N, C-alpha and C. Protein backbone atom coordinates (compact mmCIF):
# COMPACT_ATOMS: atom_id res chain seq x y z
N MET A 1 -8.26 -70.61 77.66
CA MET A 1 -7.93 -70.60 79.08
C MET A 1 -7.32 -71.74 79.62
N SER A 2 -6.11 -71.97 79.85
CA SER A 2 -5.41 -73.09 80.47
C SER A 2 -5.74 -73.14 82.11
N ALA A 3 -5.77 -74.59 82.20
CA ALA A 3 -5.74 -74.26 84.10
C ALA A 3 -4.50 -73.63 84.92
N PHE A 4 -3.42 -73.75 83.95
CA PHE A 4 -2.24 -73.12 84.55
C PHE A 4 -2.26 -71.69 84.94
N SER A 5 -2.75 -71.14 84.12
CA SER A 5 -3.21 -69.62 83.91
C SER A 5 -3.91 -69.14 85.31
N PHE A 6 -4.62 -70.01 85.94
CA PHE A 6 -5.33 -69.60 87.08
C PHE A 6 -5.09 -70.45 88.34
N SER A 7 -3.78 -70.98 88.30
CA SER A 7 -3.25 -71.58 89.65
C SER A 7 -3.16 -70.63 90.53
N TRP A 8 -2.53 -69.59 90.22
CA TRP A 8 -2.27 -68.44 91.18
C TRP A 8 -3.53 -68.21 92.26
N LEU A 9 -4.56 -68.04 91.49
CA LEU A 9 -6.04 -67.93 91.94
C LEU A 9 -6.01 -68.80 93.07
N HIS A 10 -6.08 -70.09 92.49
CA HIS A 10 -6.29 -71.08 93.60
C HIS A 10 -5.56 -71.06 94.81
N ASP A 11 -4.14 -71.03 94.47
CA ASP A 11 -3.27 -70.94 95.42
C ASP A 11 -3.64 -69.85 96.44
N ALA A 12 -3.86 -68.51 96.01
CA ALA A 12 -4.05 -67.40 96.82
C ALA A 12 -5.51 -67.59 97.74
N VAL A 13 -6.54 -68.24 97.10
CA VAL A 13 -7.77 -68.72 97.97
C VAL A 13 -7.34 -69.60 98.82
N THR A 14 -6.50 -70.43 98.81
CA THR A 14 -6.25 -71.58 99.48
C THR A 14 -5.70 -71.22 100.70
N TRP A 15 -4.74 -70.16 100.43
CA TRP A 15 -4.10 -69.46 101.53
C TRP A 15 -4.88 -68.71 102.67
N LEU A 16 -6.03 -68.22 101.97
CA LEU A 16 -6.92 -67.43 103.05
C LEU A 16 -7.73 -68.42 104.17
N LEU A 17 -7.75 -69.79 103.91
CA LEU A 17 -8.25 -70.68 104.87
C LEU A 17 -7.68 -70.48 106.21
N THR A 18 -6.66 -70.50 106.46
CA THR A 18 -5.98 -70.33 107.78
C THR A 18 -6.41 -69.28 108.47
N PRO A 19 -6.16 -68.01 107.91
CA PRO A 19 -6.36 -66.66 108.28
C PRO A 19 -7.90 -66.62 108.64
N ALA A 20 -8.87 -67.30 107.74
CA ALA A 20 -10.25 -67.18 108.22
C ALA A 20 -10.36 -67.99 109.29
N LEU A 21 -9.77 -69.25 109.43
CA LEU A 21 -10.18 -70.05 110.68
C LEU A 21 -9.69 -69.43 111.68
N ALA A 22 -8.53 -68.64 112.01
CA ALA A 22 -8.04 -67.94 112.95
C ALA A 22 -9.11 -67.02 113.68
N ALA A 23 -9.43 -66.23 112.19
CA ALA A 23 -10.38 -65.05 112.66
C ALA A 23 -11.61 -65.56 113.26
N LEU A 24 -12.12 -66.85 112.90
CA LEU A 24 -13.29 -67.39 113.33
C LEU A 24 -13.20 -67.43 114.99
N LEU A 25 -11.85 -68.54 115.19
CA LEU A 25 -11.96 -68.56 116.48
C LEU A 25 -11.68 -67.30 117.65
N LEU A 26 -10.96 -66.24 116.96
CA LEU A 26 -10.88 -64.94 117.48
C LEU A 26 -12.21 -64.45 117.82
N ALA A 27 -13.02 -64.74 116.54
CA ALA A 27 -14.38 -63.90 117.03
C ALA A 27 -15.35 -64.74 117.95
N CYS A 28 -15.19 -66.19 118.29
CA CYS A 28 -15.96 -66.69 119.19
C CYS A 28 -15.27 -66.13 120.66
N ALA A 29 -14.05 -66.09 120.65
CA ALA A 29 -13.41 -65.63 121.88
C ALA A 29 -14.06 -64.10 122.20
N ILE A 30 -14.05 -63.44 121.11
CA ILE A 30 -14.76 -62.11 121.48
C ILE A 30 -15.98 -62.17 121.73
N ALA A 31 -16.75 -63.12 121.10
CA ALA A 31 -18.35 -63.18 121.48
C ALA A 31 -18.33 -63.70 123.16
N VAL A 32 -17.50 -64.41 123.78
CA VAL A 32 -17.45 -64.77 125.02
C VAL A 32 -17.25 -63.58 125.93
N ILE A 33 -16.28 -62.84 125.22
CA ILE A 33 -15.58 -61.65 126.10
C ILE A 33 -16.93 -60.60 126.34
N GLU A 34 -17.18 -60.31 125.13
CA GLU A 34 -18.40 -59.44 124.81
C GLU A 34 -19.81 -59.79 125.70
N ALA A 35 -19.96 -61.27 125.79
CA ALA A 35 -21.27 -61.73 126.60
C ALA A 35 -20.89 -61.14 128.24
N GLY A 36 -19.86 -61.37 128.47
CA GLY A 36 -19.13 -61.04 129.93
C GLY A 36 -19.35 -59.51 130.15
N ILE A 37 -18.80 -58.59 129.15
CA ILE A 37 -18.95 -57.15 129.37
C ILE A 37 -20.39 -56.76 129.26
N ALA A 38 -21.26 -57.62 128.59
CA ALA A 38 -22.61 -57.09 128.41
C ALA A 38 -23.37 -57.41 129.82
N ALA A 39 -23.04 -58.57 130.41
CA ALA A 39 -23.44 -58.76 131.64
C ALA A 39 -23.54 -57.87 132.78
N GLY A 40 -21.82 -57.35 133.04
CA GLY A 40 -21.27 -56.52 133.67
C GLY A 40 -22.15 -55.21 133.59
N GLU A 41 -22.21 -54.81 132.15
CA GLU A 41 -23.04 -53.68 131.72
C GLU A 41 -24.29 -53.76 132.55
N ARG A 42 -25.02 -54.83 132.44
CA ARG A 42 -26.55 -54.95 132.74
C ARG A 42 -26.62 -54.58 134.43
N TRP A 43 -25.72 -55.47 134.88
CA TRP A 43 -25.88 -55.16 136.53
C TRP A 43 -25.47 -54.18 137.16
N PHE A 44 -24.24 -53.57 136.74
CA PHE A 44 -23.58 -52.50 137.38
C PHE A 44 -23.23 -51.23 136.33
N GLY A 45 -23.01 -51.52 135.03
CA GLY A 45 -22.69 -50.16 134.39
C GLY A 45 -23.72 -49.28 133.94
N LEU A 46 -24.83 -49.96 133.65
CA LEU A 46 -25.84 -49.04 133.40
C LEU A 46 -26.56 -48.00 134.41
N ALA A 47 -26.48 -48.70 135.56
CA ALA A 47 -26.84 -47.67 136.66
C ALA A 47 -26.02 -46.78 136.93
N ARG A 48 -24.81 -47.13 136.95
CA ARG A 48 -23.65 -46.17 137.02
C ARG A 48 -23.88 -44.99 135.83
N LEU A 49 -23.87 -45.40 134.81
CA LEU A 49 -24.34 -44.59 133.45
C LEU A 49 -25.43 -43.47 133.77
N ARG A 50 -26.50 -44.20 134.33
CA ARG A 50 -27.76 -43.32 134.56
C ARG A 50 -27.66 -42.38 135.32
N SER A 51 -26.89 -42.75 136.54
CA SER A 51 -26.76 -42.00 137.74
C SER A 51 -25.93 -40.59 137.24
N THR A 52 -25.31 -40.61 136.30
CA THR A 52 -24.35 -39.33 135.91
C THR A 52 -25.04 -38.46 135.28
N GLY A 53 -26.18 -38.81 134.53
CA GLY A 53 -27.31 -37.99 133.96
C GLY A 53 -26.77 -37.37 132.63
N ASP A 54 -25.64 -37.68 132.30
CA ASP A 54 -25.28 -37.09 130.81
C ASP A 54 -25.77 -38.16 129.92
N MET A 55 -26.70 -37.67 129.12
CA MET A 55 -27.11 -38.44 127.90
C MET A 55 -26.33 -38.68 126.80
N ALA A 56 -25.76 -37.55 126.75
CA ALA A 56 -24.66 -37.54 125.35
C ALA A 56 -23.76 -38.63 125.48
N LYS A 57 -23.33 -38.91 126.59
CA LYS A 57 -22.27 -39.73 127.16
C LYS A 57 -22.93 -41.17 126.93
N VAL A 58 -23.96 -41.55 127.52
CA VAL A 58 -24.82 -42.63 127.34
C VAL A 58 -24.93 -42.98 125.85
N GLN A 59 -25.46 -42.05 125.15
CA GLN A 59 -25.65 -42.35 123.81
C GLN A 59 -24.35 -42.52 122.98
N ALA A 60 -23.29 -42.06 123.16
CA ALA A 60 -22.00 -42.24 122.63
C ALA A 60 -21.48 -43.77 122.96
N ILE A 61 -21.48 -44.01 124.26
CA ILE A 61 -21.12 -45.35 124.83
C ILE A 61 -22.09 -46.37 124.28
N ALA A 62 -23.33 -46.34 124.14
CA ALA A 62 -24.24 -47.19 123.44
C ALA A 62 -24.23 -47.26 121.96
N ARG A 63 -23.61 -46.28 121.30
CA ARG A 63 -23.59 -46.41 119.85
C ARG A 63 -22.09 -47.20 119.52
N HIS A 64 -21.26 -47.04 120.15
CA HIS A 64 -19.86 -47.69 120.28
C HIS A 64 -20.26 -49.29 120.58
N ARG A 65 -21.00 -49.30 121.45
CA ARG A 65 -20.86 -50.58 121.86
C ARG A 65 -21.90 -51.53 121.09
N LEU A 66 -22.76 -50.78 120.41
CA LEU A 66 -23.90 -51.49 119.68
C LEU A 66 -23.24 -51.57 118.41
N GLU A 67 -22.52 -51.06 117.77
CA GLU A 67 -21.50 -51.18 116.70
C GLU A 67 -20.61 -52.46 116.95
N ARG A 68 -19.84 -52.73 117.98
CA ARG A 68 -19.13 -53.75 118.33
C ARG A 68 -19.99 -55.03 118.17
N ALA A 69 -21.30 -55.08 118.78
CA ALA A 69 -21.88 -56.14 118.58
C ALA A 69 -22.43 -56.43 117.30
N ASP A 70 -22.85 -55.36 116.61
CA ASP A 70 -23.34 -55.64 115.01
C ASP A 70 -22.20 -56.30 114.28
N LEU A 71 -21.01 -55.72 114.30
CA LEU A 71 -20.11 -56.17 113.63
C LEU A 71 -19.64 -57.91 114.01
N LEU A 72 -19.95 -58.03 115.43
CA LEU A 72 -19.72 -59.32 115.76
C LEU A 72 -20.84 -60.40 115.24
N ALA A 73 -22.11 -59.73 115.05
CA ALA A 73 -23.16 -60.55 114.42
C ALA A 73 -22.97 -60.81 112.69
N ARG A 74 -22.17 -59.86 112.30
CA ARG A 74 -22.20 -60.09 110.54
C ARG A 74 -21.09 -60.60 110.12
N ILE A 75 -20.01 -60.32 110.77
CA ILE A 75 -18.65 -60.65 110.10
C ILE A 75 -18.19 -62.15 110.01
N PRO A 76 -18.39 -62.64 111.36
CA PRO A 76 -18.14 -64.32 111.67
C PRO A 76 -18.74 -65.16 110.62
N PRO A 77 -20.26 -65.04 110.46
CA PRO A 77 -21.11 -65.84 109.46
C PRO A 77 -20.25 -65.81 107.92
N MET A 78 -19.90 -64.39 107.67
CA MET A 78 -19.36 -64.37 106.18
C MET A 78 -18.12 -65.02 106.25
N LEU A 79 -17.11 -64.90 107.35
CA LEU A 79 -16.00 -65.77 107.42
C LEU A 79 -16.23 -67.16 107.52
N GLY A 80 -17.25 -67.59 108.18
CA GLY A 80 -17.57 -69.17 108.27
C GLY A 80 -17.85 -69.40 106.73
N LEU A 81 -18.65 -68.85 105.94
CA LEU A 81 -19.12 -69.13 104.78
C LEU A 81 -17.70 -69.16 103.80
N MET A 82 -17.09 -68.30 104.06
CA MET A 82 -15.77 -68.40 103.42
C MET A 82 -14.87 -69.59 103.55
N ALA A 83 -14.88 -69.91 104.67
CA ALA A 83 -14.02 -71.05 105.23
C ALA A 83 -14.68 -72.27 104.99
N THR A 84 -15.98 -72.25 104.58
CA THR A 84 -16.76 -73.24 104.29
C THR A 84 -16.36 -73.78 102.75
N ILE A 85 -16.45 -73.00 101.96
CA ILE A 85 -16.38 -72.90 100.57
C ILE A 85 -15.04 -73.27 100.07
N ILE A 86 -13.70 -72.59 101.03
CA ILE A 86 -12.50 -72.86 100.42
C ILE A 86 -11.91 -74.30 100.45
N PRO A 87 -12.00 -75.14 101.44
CA PRO A 87 -11.72 -76.71 101.37
C PRO A 87 -12.55 -77.36 100.32
N LEU A 88 -13.76 -76.99 100.00
CA LEU A 88 -14.61 -77.78 99.25
C LEU A 88 -13.99 -78.16 97.87
N GLY A 89 -13.27 -77.02 97.30
CA GLY A 89 -12.99 -77.34 96.05
C GLY A 89 -11.67 -78.16 95.95
N PRO A 90 -10.63 -78.17 96.81
CA PRO A 90 -9.62 -79.16 96.74
C PRO A 90 -10.47 -80.79 96.96
N GLY A 91 -11.35 -80.76 98.13
CA GLY A 91 -12.06 -81.77 98.41
C GLY A 91 -12.60 -82.41 97.15
N LEU A 92 -13.38 -81.74 96.40
CA LEU A 92 -14.15 -82.30 95.30
C LEU A 92 -13.13 -82.98 94.09
N ALA A 93 -12.05 -81.91 94.15
CA ALA A 93 -10.89 -82.17 93.12
C ALA A 93 -10.63 -83.73 93.52
N ALA A 94 -10.36 -83.80 94.93
CA ALA A 94 -9.94 -85.05 95.41
C ALA A 94 -10.80 -86.35 95.04
N LEU A 95 -11.98 -85.97 95.24
CA LEU A 95 -13.00 -86.96 94.92
C LEU A 95 -12.89 -87.50 93.41
N GLY A 96 -12.76 -86.23 92.66
CA GLY A 96 -12.56 -86.86 91.26
C GLY A 96 -11.39 -87.83 90.89
N LYS A 97 -10.45 -87.59 91.81
CA LYS A 97 -9.20 -88.60 91.81
C LYS A 97 -9.23 -89.77 92.41
N GLY A 98 -10.37 -89.97 93.13
CA GLY A 98 -10.54 -91.35 93.89
C GLY A 98 -9.98 -91.32 95.31
N ASP A 99 -10.14 -90.11 95.64
CA ASP A 99 -9.91 -90.04 97.26
C ASP A 99 -10.59 -89.60 98.22
N PRO A 100 -11.68 -90.33 98.37
CA PRO A 100 -12.74 -89.98 99.43
C PRO A 100 -12.47 -89.62 100.74
N ALA A 101 -11.23 -89.76 101.22
CA ALA A 101 -10.68 -89.44 102.70
C ALA A 101 -10.26 -88.10 102.42
N GLN A 102 -9.88 -87.63 101.41
CA GLN A 102 -9.37 -86.15 101.53
C GLN A 102 -10.68 -85.37 101.18
N LEU A 103 -11.68 -85.84 100.73
CA LEU A 103 -13.18 -85.14 100.80
C LEU A 103 -13.60 -85.12 102.02
N ALA A 104 -13.68 -86.12 102.71
CA ALA A 104 -14.11 -86.31 104.13
C ALA A 104 -13.52 -85.37 104.87
N SER A 105 -12.14 -85.04 104.86
CA SER A 105 -11.37 -84.11 105.57
C SER A 105 -11.77 -82.59 105.29
N ALA A 106 -12.14 -82.41 103.88
CA ALA A 106 -12.36 -81.11 103.47
C ALA A 106 -13.94 -80.64 104.07
N VAL A 107 -14.77 -81.81 103.84
CA VAL A 107 -16.22 -81.43 104.36
C VAL A 107 -16.16 -81.21 105.88
N THR A 108 -15.30 -82.02 106.65
CA THR A 108 -15.53 -81.69 108.23
C THR A 108 -14.74 -80.25 108.48
N VAL A 109 -13.74 -79.87 107.89
CA VAL A 109 -13.24 -78.56 108.14
C VAL A 109 -14.33 -77.48 107.63
N ALA A 110 -14.90 -77.74 106.65
CA ALA A 110 -16.04 -76.88 106.04
C ALA A 110 -17.20 -76.72 106.97
N PHE A 111 -17.79 -77.76 107.60
CA PHE A 111 -18.84 -77.89 108.51
C PHE A 111 -18.30 -77.04 109.78
N ASP A 112 -16.85 -77.37 110.21
CA ASP A 112 -16.82 -76.97 111.61
C ASP A 112 -16.49 -75.34 111.70
N ALA A 113 -16.16 -74.92 110.32
CA ALA A 113 -16.11 -73.66 110.14
C ALA A 113 -17.51 -72.96 109.97
N THR A 114 -18.55 -73.19 109.68
CA THR A 114 -19.94 -72.83 109.37
C THR A 114 -20.44 -72.81 110.79
N VAL A 115 -20.08 -73.85 111.53
CA VAL A 115 -20.64 -73.71 112.90
C VAL A 115 -20.09 -72.62 113.60
N LEU A 116 -18.50 -72.91 113.31
CA LEU A 116 -18.05 -71.33 114.32
C LEU A 116 -18.37 -70.04 114.00
N GLY A 117 -18.67 -69.76 112.77
CA GLY A 117 -19.11 -68.57 112.11
C GLY A 117 -20.60 -68.11 112.86
N LEU A 118 -21.27 -69.24 112.82
CA LEU A 118 -22.70 -69.17 113.26
C LEU A 118 -22.70 -68.88 114.83
N VAL A 119 -21.83 -69.58 115.55
CA VAL A 119 -21.76 -69.64 116.94
C VAL A 119 -21.51 -67.93 117.35
N ALA A 120 -20.25 -67.67 116.87
CA ALA A 120 -19.88 -66.07 117.03
C ALA A 120 -21.02 -65.08 116.61
N GLY A 121 -21.54 -65.33 115.31
CA GLY A 121 -22.86 -64.39 115.01
C GLY A 121 -23.81 -64.66 115.67
N ILE A 122 -24.38 -65.47 116.27
CA ILE A 122 -25.50 -65.84 117.09
C ILE A 122 -25.19 -65.01 118.29
N GLY A 123 -24.06 -65.19 118.92
CA GLY A 123 -23.55 -64.37 119.99
C GLY A 123 -23.81 -62.90 120.01
N GLY A 124 -23.09 -62.49 118.58
CA GLY A 124 -23.30 -60.91 118.54
C GLY A 124 -24.70 -60.23 118.31
N LEU A 125 -25.43 -61.49 117.75
CA LEU A 125 -26.89 -60.80 117.41
C LEU A 125 -27.71 -60.57 118.76
N VAL A 126 -27.55 -61.70 119.65
CA VAL A 126 -27.92 -62.07 120.82
C VAL A 126 -27.59 -60.59 121.84
N ILE A 127 -26.35 -60.26 121.76
CA ILE A 127 -25.85 -59.54 122.83
C ILE A 127 -26.28 -57.99 121.80
N GLY A 128 -26.13 -57.81 120.93
CA GLY A 128 -26.55 -56.56 120.10
C GLY A 128 -28.15 -56.07 120.54
N LYS A 129 -28.77 -57.16 120.42
CA LYS A 129 -30.38 -57.20 120.80
C LYS A 129 -30.57 -56.68 122.50
N LEU A 130 -30.07 -57.35 123.09
CA LEU A 130 -30.24 -57.14 124.61
C LEU A 130 -29.37 -55.60 124.80
N ARG A 131 -28.59 -55.41 124.12
CA ARG A 131 -27.92 -54.13 124.61
C ARG A 131 -28.71 -52.74 124.09
N ARG A 132 -29.12 -52.91 122.90
CA ARG A 132 -29.95 -52.32 122.31
C ARG A 132 -31.05 -51.82 123.34
N ARG A 133 -31.78 -52.88 123.86
CA ARG A 133 -33.09 -52.82 124.34
C ARG A 133 -32.49 -52.32 125.99
N TRP A 134 -31.66 -52.51 126.40
CA TRP A 134 -30.97 -52.01 127.66
C TRP A 134 -30.64 -50.59 127.90
N TYR A 135 -29.98 -50.17 126.35
CA TYR A 135 -29.54 -48.64 126.47
C TYR A 135 -31.01 -47.94 126.17
N GLU A 136 -31.89 -48.15 125.49
CA GLU A 136 -33.01 -47.48 125.20
C GLU A 136 -33.91 -47.31 126.40
N GLU A 137 -33.84 -48.31 127.25
CA GLU A 137 -34.62 -48.43 128.55
C GLU A 137 -33.83 -47.28 129.70
N THR A 138 -32.55 -47.36 129.58
CA THR A 138 -31.64 -46.38 130.14
C THR A 138 -31.70 -44.98 129.78
N LEU A 139 -31.95 -44.76 128.47
CA LEU A 139 -32.11 -43.44 127.89
C LEU A 139 -33.71 -43.03 128.19
N GLU A 140 -34.71 -43.94 128.10
CA GLU A 140 -36.02 -43.47 128.46
C GLU A 140 -36.01 -43.11 129.99
N ALA A 141 -35.56 -43.76 131.01
CA ALA A 141 -35.57 -43.16 132.36
C ALA A 141 -34.72 -42.03 132.51
N MET A 142 -33.52 -41.88 131.87
CA MET A 142 -32.88 -40.49 132.08
C MET A 142 -33.69 -39.33 131.50
N GLU A 143 -34.61 -39.67 130.49
CA GLU A 143 -35.27 -38.43 129.69
C GLU A 143 -36.56 -38.29 131.01
N ALA A 144 -37.17 -39.53 131.40
CA ALA A 144 -38.21 -39.12 132.34
C ALA A 144 -37.90 -38.40 133.37
N ALA A 145 -36.52 -38.62 133.97
CA ALA A 145 -36.23 -37.99 135.16
C ALA A 145 -35.62 -36.73 134.91
N ALA A 146 -35.44 -36.16 133.84
CA ALA A 146 -34.82 -35.13 133.42
C ALA A 146 -36.27 -33.63 133.51
């Protein structure tokens, strides 16, 4: 197997770095938006939902919002790992050629991607845990009132 035969694979993987970083930035923005939505839910939305008395509607909304938070908790860390590993290959190759500056640049991008993935994932995890508890309390209160 020659190095040339797999150069297309390296090119394809390298191309994935930019979309992964863009998705990580988007995930961080979504985490901030979700935190705002969750705060509004806690202070205003859940009381309004409870007053409707429609448990099926509350369960459907809870399921939808919890799925969103769960995806936010799981996908960004995976993207962060992917965006961590991708630049390390060329960085290590550059080190082998005696270019430590390119390795330093690759490691910086790798660590930044890791942090972005973890920040968004932690946000999704916290939002999901809080929402789960809030919706359980709301449904319990609705059951007790029924």
